[in-house]
Amino acid sequence: MARTLTLPKKGSGNWSEGWHTLTISKAEYGEWTGTKFIDVWFNDYPENFNLRMYAKVGKDGEEFAIGNLYRFADAGITDALESAEGETVLKIDDSAEALVGKSINVMFYKDGKFTRILSNVAPTEFTNIVDKFDAKDVQYFKGKAESFFSKWIEPKLKDVPAEDTVEDKVDADLPF
């Protein structure tokens, strides 16, 4: 008797915790319970492993989280203007396609048996019409992301109780 067995396609990516420089293969906008987000997928990783970044709006009413994704990926920046206050204002093509082929630094962490991507990203080293990110700058933004992880994500990972096994529950009910 002969049989076949189909194995699921796996990515060839590195799954270790820590920082990885990845190239974006696809991006799509979406909305969940009224909040806009962008999903980002990477070369060499499977379709079920992606970065989801939710839009965040500052006190000035300007969205900054997804905007920084484009800035740190050196994606879609078409112009820079100086405001009346002397601040630099970027003009960005924020189409999902503008991210494809761009690289960013992302941090992997373990959540139980799963690997996840921290939503705070860091730039790679590059220079464009507005920014020049060198190794020192990259380390600075990685440090900011690691601080965010330590303050907001890591405590939640430690608060999650370990899964009980069925045997543990059965043994706990036995009187002897």
Protein backbone atom coordinates (compact mmCIF):
# COMPACT_ATOMS: atom_id res chain seq x y z
CA MET A 1 0.00 0.00 0.00
CA ALA A 2 1.36 3.46 -0.91
CA ARG A 3 0.48 6.76 0.59
CA THR A 4 1.39 10.39 0.15
CA LEU A 5 2.20 12.94 2.79
CA THR A 6 2.23 16.64 2.05
CA LEU A 7 4.35 18.79 4.32
CA PRO A 8 3.42 22.45 4.77
CA LYS A 9 5.70 24.97 3.16
CA LYS A 10 8.02 26.50 5.73
CA GLY A 11 9.98 29.70 5.56
CA SER A 12 13.74 29.56 5.67
CA GLY A 13 14.04 32.43 8.13
CA ASN A 14 16.01 32.67 11.34
CA TRP A 15 13.66 32.39 14.35
CA SER A 16 16.04 33.38 17.16
CA GLU A 17 15.00 36.05 19.63
CA GLY A 18 16.51 39.48 19.13
CA TRP A 19 17.05 41.87 16.24
CA HIS A 20 16.80 40.89 12.58
CA THR A 21 17.20 42.99 9.45
CA LEU A 22 14.39 41.85 7.14
CA THR A 23 13.20 42.79 3.67
CA ILE A 24 9.50 43.50 3.21
CA SER A 25 7.80 41.23 0.68
CA LYS A 26 4.22 42.48 0.98
CA ALA A 27 2.14 45.00 2.93
CA GLU A 28 -1.62 45.55 3.26
CA TYR A 29 -3.75 48.07 5.11
CA GLY A 30 -6.74 46.99 7.16
CA GLU A 31 -9.04 48.03 9.98
CA TRP A 32 -9.98 46.26 13.19
CA THR A 33 -12.73 47.59 15.48
CA GLY A 34 -12.36 51.06 14.00
CA THR A 35 -8.56 51.25 14.23
CA LYS A 36 -6.46 51.30 11.07
CA PHE A 37 -3.40 49.06 10.81
CA ILE A 38 -0.87 47.83 8.31
CA ASP A 39 0.26 44.21 8.05
CA VAL A 40 3.79 43.63 6.78
CA TRP A 41 5.26 40.32 5.58
CA PHE A 42 8.93 39.50 5.03
CA ASN A 43 11.06 37.53 2.58
CA ASP A 44 11.96 34.00 3.77
CA TYR A 45 9.14 33.85 6.36
CA PRO A 46 5.75 32.12 6.03
CA GLU A 47 2.47 33.95 5.34
CA ASN A 48 1.24 33.39 8.91
CA PHE A 49 4.16 35.39 10.38
CA ASN A 50 3.85 39.12 9.98
CA LEU A 51 4.16 42.48 11.70
CA ARG A 52 0.90 44.26 12.47
CA MET A 53 1.32 47.94 13.25
CA TYR A 54 -1.68 49.92 14.47
CA ALA A 55 -2.06 53.61 13.68
CA LYS A 56 -1.31 55.85 16.66
CA VAL A 57 -2.17 59.53 16.75
CA GLY A 58 -0.17 62.08 18.75
CA LYS A 59 -1.47 65.08 20.68
CA ASP A 60 -1.04 67.17 17.53
CA GLY A 61 -3.51 64.92 15.65
CA GLU A 62 -0.81 63.47 13.39
CA GLU A 63 -0.46 59.70 12.94
CA PHE A 64 3.10 58.64 13.81
CA ALA A 65 3.43 54.84 14.19
CA ILE A 66 2.82 53.83 10.58
CA GLY A 67 4.54 57.04 9.47
CA ASN A 68 7.70 55.99 11.30
CA LEU A 69 7.51 52.56 9.66
CA TYR A 70 7.81 54.31 6.28
CA ARG A 71 10.49 56.65 7.59
CA PHE A 72 12.60 53.84 9.10
CA ALA A 73 12.18 51.69 5.97
CA ASP A 74 13.23 54.64 3.78
CA ALA A 75 10.00 54.07 1.87
CA GLY A 76 7.82 56.49 -0.03
CA ILE A 77 9.55 59.71 1.09
CA THR A 78 8.99 62.08 -1.82
CA ASP A 79 9.69 65.51 -0.34
CA ALA A 80 10.62 67.40 2.82
CA LEU A 81 9.43 70.88 3.75
CA GLU A 82 10.21 73.16 6.66
CA SER A 83 7.25 74.28 8.76
CA ALA A 84 6.83 77.82 10.11
CA GLU A 85 8.10 76.47 13.47
CA GLY A 86 11.27 75.12 11.83
CA GLU A 87 10.23 71.45 11.96
CA THR A 88 10.74 69.13 9.02
CA VAL A 89 7.51 67.93 7.43
CA LEU A 90 7.77 64.81 5.27
CA LYS A 91 5.65 64.12 2.23
CA ILE A 92 5.22 60.34 2.05
CA ASP A 93 3.68 58.02 -0.52
CA ASP A 94 2.07 55.74 2.06
CA SER A 95 0.81 53.14 -0.38
CA ALA A 96 1.46 49.62 0.81
CA GLU A 97 3.45 48.96 -2.38
CA ALA A 98 6.00 51.64 -1.39
CA LEU A 99 7.23 49.34 1.42
CA VAL A 100 7.88 46.29 -0.78
CA GLY A 101 11.59 45.59 -1.19
CA LYS A 102 12.58 47.89 1.71
CA SER A 103 14.48 46.69 4.79
CA ILE A 104 13.88 47.39 8.48
CA ASN A 105 15.18 46.09 11.79
CA VAL A 106 12.58 44.09 13.74
CA MET A 107 12.81 42.43 17.13
CA PHE A 108 11.63 38.85 17.60
CA TYR A 109 10.47 37.67 21.03
CA LYS A 110 8.95 34.49 22.41
CA ASP A 111 5.36 34.40 23.60
CA GLY A 112 5.04 30.90 24.99
CA LYS A 113 5.99 28.58 22.15
CA PHE A 114 5.36 31.23 19.47
CA THR A 115 7.75 33.78 17.99
CA ARG A 116 6.29 37.27 17.60
CA ILE A 117 7.50 40.56 16.11
CA LEU A 118 7.57 43.65 18.32
CA SER A 119 5.51 46.43 16.73
CA ASN A 120 8.26 49.00 17.38
CA VAL A 121 10.85 48.85 14.61
CA ALA A 122 14.25 50.44 14.02
CA PRO A 123 15.86 51.80 10.86
CA THR A 124 18.78 50.31 9.01
CA GLU A 125 21.76 52.50 8.11
CA PHE A 126 20.87 54.81 5.19
CA THR A 127 20.80 58.42 4.03
CA ASN A 128 17.93 60.08 2.15
CA ILE A 129 16.69 63.64 1.53
CA VAL A 130 15.73 64.05 5.20
CA ASP A 131 17.50 61.53 7.43
CA LYS A 132 20.93 60.04 7.88
CA PHE A 133 20.83 56.98 10.12
CA ASP A 134 24.25 55.64 11.11
CA ALA A 135 25.07 52.72 13.44
CA LYS A 136 24.70 54.94 16.52
CA ASP A 137 21.21 56.04 15.42
CA VAL A 138 20.15 52.47 14.71
CA GLN A 139 21.29 51.42 18.22
CA TYR A 140 19.36 54.37 19.72
CA PHE A 141 16.07 53.30 18.10
CA LYS A 142 16.68 49.65 18.97
CA GLY A 143 17.19 50.76 22.58
CA LYS A 144 13.90 52.69 22.53
CA ALA A 145 12.10 49.60 21.22
CA GLU A 146 13.75 47.38 23.85
CA SER A 147 12.63 49.82 26.59
CA PHE A 148 9.07 49.64 25.24
CA PHE A 149 9.29 45.83 25.25
CA SER A 150 10.61 45.76 28.84
CA LYS A 151 7.95 48.15 30.13
CA TRP A 152 4.83 47.04 28.24
CA ILE A 153 5.24 43.57 26.69
CA GLU A 154 7.58 41.56 28.91
CA PRO A 155 5.50 41.97 32.11
CA LYS A 156 2.45 40.58 30.29
CA LEU A 157 4.47 37.57 29.15
CA LYS A 158 5.48 36.83 32.75
CA ASP A 159 1.90 37.20 34.04
CA VAL A 160 0.56 34.47 31.77
CA PRO A 161 0.17 31.26 33.82
CA ALA A 162 1.82 28.14 32.47
CA GLU A 163 -0.62 25.82 30.77
CA ASP A 164 -1.81 22.98 32.98
CA THR A 165 -1.76 19.55 31.45
CA VAL A 166 -4.73 17.20 31.67
CA GLU A 167 -2.65 14.84 33.85
CA ASP A 168 -1.94 17.66 36.34
CA LYS A 169 -5.65 18.37 36.70
CA VAL A 170 -6.56 14.70 37.10
CA ASP A 171 -3.84 14.13 39.72
CA ALA A 172 -4.92 17.24 41.65
CA ASP A 173 -8.42 15.79 42.08
CA LEU A 174 -7.23 12.46 43.48
CA PRO A 175 -7.52 12.15 47.31
CA PHE A 176 -4.33 10.04 47.62
